[in-house]
């Protein structure tokens, strides 16, 4: 996926999360941040999502290298 398109999606999620932060939205933004190389931002989002809903990340797989 094109990095520019991903960044537009991240910006849309930023606005949505500011209004209504949910674990699912944070997980999605974290996934997108990983795709563009923002490992610190991705880790922060995924940690916050896990605190909100520990079961949400159960199906997540892959290596995280920050």
N, C-alpha and C. Protein backbone atom coordinates (compact mmCIF):
# COMPACT_ATOMS: atom_id res chain seq x y z
N UNK A 1 0.85 -1.17 0.00
CA UNK A 1 0.00 0.00 0.00
C UNK A 1 0.89 1.24 0.00
N UNK A 2 0.47 2.24 -0.69
CA UNK A 2 1.20 3.50 -0.82
C UNK A 2 1.29 4.21 0.54
N UNK A 3 2.50 4.65 0.89
CA UNK A 3 2.73 5.31 2.17
C UNK A 3 1.86 6.56 2.34
N UNK A 4 1.64 7.29 1.27
CA UNK A 4 0.81 8.49 1.33
C UNK A 4 -0.63 8.15 1.71
N UNK A 5 -1.14 7.10 1.13
CA UNK A 5 -2.52 6.66 1.44
C UNK A 5 -2.60 6.21 2.90
N UNK A 6 -1.59 5.50 3.36
CA UNK A 6 -1.57 5.06 4.76
C UNK A 6 -1.55 6.26 5.70
N UNK A 7 -0.76 7.27 5.38
CA UNK A 7 -0.70 8.47 6.22
C UNK A 7 -2.04 9.20 6.26
N UNK A 8 -2.77 9.21 5.17
CA UNK A 8 -4.11 9.81 5.15
C UNK A 8 -5.04 9.02 6.07
N UNK A 9 -4.93 7.71 6.02
CA UNK A 9 -5.75 6.86 6.90
C UNK A 9 -5.39 7.08 8.36
N UNK A 10 -4.11 7.23 8.66
CA UNK A 10 -3.67 7.50 10.03
C UNK A 10 -4.25 8.83 10.51
N UNK A 11 -4.23 9.84 9.66
CA UNK A 11 -4.79 11.14 10.04
C UNK A 11 -6.28 11.04 10.33
N UNK A 12 -6.99 10.26 9.53
CA UNK A 12 -8.43 10.07 9.78
C UNK A 12 -8.65 9.36 11.11
N UNK A 13 -7.82 8.37 11.40
CA UNK A 13 -7.92 7.67 12.68
C UNK A 13 -7.56 8.58 13.84
N UNK A 14 -6.59 9.46 13.65
CA UNK A 14 -6.24 10.43 14.70
C UNK A 14 -7.48 11.21 15.13
N UNK A 15 -8.24 11.70 14.17
CA UNK A 15 -9.44 12.48 14.46
C UNK A 15 -10.49 11.63 15.15
N UNK A 16 -10.69 10.43 14.67
CA UNK A 16 -11.69 9.54 15.25
C UNK A 16 -11.31 9.15 16.68
N UNK A 17 -10.04 8.85 16.90
CA UNK A 17 -9.57 8.47 18.23
C UNK A 17 -9.68 9.64 19.20
N UNK A 18 -9.45 10.86 18.72
CA UNK A 18 -9.58 12.03 19.58
C UNK A 18 -11.02 12.18 20.09
N UNK A 19 -11.99 11.81 19.26
CA UNK A 19 -13.40 11.91 19.62
C UNK A 19 -13.93 10.70 20.37
N UNK A 20 -13.41 9.52 20.03
CA UNK A 20 -13.95 8.28 20.59
C UNK A 20 -12.88 7.20 20.58
N UNK A 21 -11.96 7.24 21.54
CA UNK A 21 -10.88 6.25 21.56
C UNK A 21 -11.40 4.86 21.90
N UNK A 22 -11.18 3.93 21.00
CA UNK A 22 -11.53 2.53 21.26
C UNK A 22 -10.30 1.67 21.01
N UNK A 23 -10.32 0.50 21.60
CA UNK A 23 -9.20 -0.43 21.42
C UNK A 23 -9.05 -0.82 19.95
N UNK A 24 -10.16 -1.01 19.26
CA UNK A 24 -10.11 -1.42 17.86
C UNK A 24 -9.47 -0.33 16.99
N UNK A 25 -9.85 0.93 17.23
CA UNK A 25 -9.26 2.03 16.46
C UNK A 25 -7.77 2.16 16.74
N UNK A 26 -7.38 2.02 18.00
CA UNK A 26 -5.96 2.10 18.35
C UNK A 26 -5.17 0.96 17.73
N UNK A 27 -5.76 -0.23 17.72
CA UNK A 27 -5.09 -1.37 17.10
C UNK A 27 -4.86 -1.11 15.61
N UNK A 28 -5.88 -0.59 14.94
CA UNK A 28 -5.77 -0.33 13.50
C UNK A 28 -4.72 0.75 13.23
N UNK A 29 -4.73 1.83 14.03
CA UNK A 29 -3.74 2.88 13.82
C UNK A 29 -2.34 2.33 14.11
N UNK A 30 -2.21 1.49 15.11
CA UNK A 30 -0.92 0.88 15.39
C UNK A 30 -0.43 0.04 14.23
N UNK A 31 -1.34 -0.72 13.63
CA UNK A 31 -0.98 -1.55 12.47
C UNK A 31 -0.51 -0.68 11.31
N UNK A 32 -1.22 0.40 11.07
CA UNK A 32 -0.84 1.30 9.98
C UNK A 32 0.48 2.00 10.27
N UNK A 33 0.68 2.39 11.52
CA UNK A 33 1.95 3.03 11.88
C UNK A 33 3.13 2.08 11.65
N UNK A 34 2.94 0.82 11.94
CA UNK A 34 4.01 -0.16 11.67
C UNK A 34 4.32 -0.19 10.18
N UNK A 35 3.30 -0.10 9.35
CA UNK A 35 3.49 -0.17 7.90
C UNK A 35 4.31 0.99 7.37
N UNK A 36 4.25 2.15 8.04
CA UNK A 36 5.03 3.30 7.57
C UNK A 36 6.32 3.48 8.37
N UNK A 37 6.62 2.54 9.25
CA UNK A 37 7.88 2.59 9.97
C UNK A 37 7.87 3.37 11.27
N UNK A 38 6.70 3.78 11.75
CA UNK A 38 6.60 4.49 13.02
C UNK A 38 6.45 3.46 14.14
N UNK A 39 7.56 2.83 14.49
CA UNK A 39 7.52 1.73 15.46
C UNK A 39 7.15 2.21 16.86
N UNK A 40 7.65 3.37 17.26
CA UNK A 40 7.33 3.89 18.59
C UNK A 40 5.84 4.22 18.70
N UNK A 41 5.30 4.86 17.69
CA UNK A 41 3.86 5.17 17.68
C UNK A 41 3.01 3.92 17.66
N UNK A 42 3.44 2.94 16.88
CA UNK A 42 2.71 1.68 16.80
C UNK A 42 2.71 0.98 18.15
N UNK A 43 3.85 0.93 18.80
CA UNK A 43 3.95 0.28 20.10
C UNK A 43 3.04 0.98 21.11
N UNK A 44 3.05 2.30 21.12
CA UNK A 44 2.21 3.05 22.05
C UNK A 44 0.72 2.75 21.81
N UNK A 45 0.31 2.73 20.54
CA UNK A 45 -1.09 2.43 20.22
C UNK A 45 -1.46 1.01 20.64
N UNK A 46 -0.61 0.05 20.34
CA UNK A 46 -0.93 -1.34 20.65
C UNK A 46 -0.94 -1.58 22.16
N UNK A 47 -0.05 -0.92 22.89
CA UNK A 47 -0.06 -1.06 24.34
C UNK A 47 -1.35 -0.47 24.92
N UNK A 48 -1.76 0.68 24.42
CA UNK A 48 -2.99 1.30 24.92
C UNK A 48 -4.20 0.44 24.56
N UNK A 49 -4.22 -0.11 23.35
CA UNK A 49 -5.32 -0.99 22.95
C UNK A 49 -5.37 -2.22 23.85
N UNK A 50 -4.21 -2.78 24.18
CA UNK A 50 -4.16 -3.97 25.04
C UNK A 50 -4.65 -3.64 26.45
N UNK A 51 -4.36 -2.45 26.94
CA UNK A 51 -4.86 -2.06 28.27
C UNK A 51 -6.38 -1.93 28.25
N UNK A 52 -6.93 -1.45 27.15
CA UNK A 52 -8.37 -1.26 27.05
C UNK A 52 -9.10 -2.58 26.85
N UNK A 53 -8.51 -3.47 26.06
CA UNK A 53 -9.14 -4.75 25.73
C UNK A 53 -8.05 -5.80 25.49
N UNK A 54 -7.61 -6.49 26.55
CA UNK A 54 -6.51 -7.45 26.42
C UNK A 54 -6.75 -8.55 25.38
N UNK A 55 -8.01 -8.92 25.16
CA UNK A 55 -8.32 -9.99 24.20
C UNK A 55 -8.21 -9.53 22.75
N UNK A 56 -8.22 -8.24 22.52
CA UNK A 56 -8.19 -7.70 21.16
C UNK A 56 -6.93 -8.10 20.39
N UNK A 57 -5.81 -8.20 21.08
CA UNK A 57 -4.55 -8.50 20.41
C UNK A 57 -4.24 -9.99 20.35
N UNK A 58 -5.17 -10.82 20.78
CA UNK A 58 -4.94 -12.26 20.82
C UNK A 58 -4.57 -12.84 19.45
N UNK A 59 -5.18 -12.34 18.39
CA UNK A 59 -4.91 -12.88 17.06
C UNK A 59 -3.78 -12.19 16.32
N UNK A 60 -3.15 -11.22 16.95
CA UNK A 60 -2.09 -10.47 16.31
C UNK A 60 -0.82 -11.32 16.29
N UNK A 61 -0.17 -11.34 15.14
CA UNK A 61 1.06 -12.12 15.04
C UNK A 61 2.12 -11.31 14.27
N UNK A 62 3.33 -11.76 14.38
CA UNK A 62 4.41 -11.10 13.69
C UNK A 62 5.49 -10.65 14.65
N UNK A 63 6.57 -10.17 14.10
CA UNK A 63 7.69 -9.72 14.92
C UNK A 63 7.64 -8.21 15.04
N UNK A 64 7.92 -7.73 16.23
CA UNK A 64 7.94 -6.28 16.47
C UNK A 64 9.35 -5.90 16.79
N UNK A 65 9.94 -5.09 15.94
CA UNK A 65 11.32 -4.64 16.15
C UNK A 65 11.31 -3.12 16.22
N UNK A 66 11.48 -2.60 17.41
CA UNK A 66 11.45 -1.14 17.58
C UNK A 66 12.85 -0.57 17.54
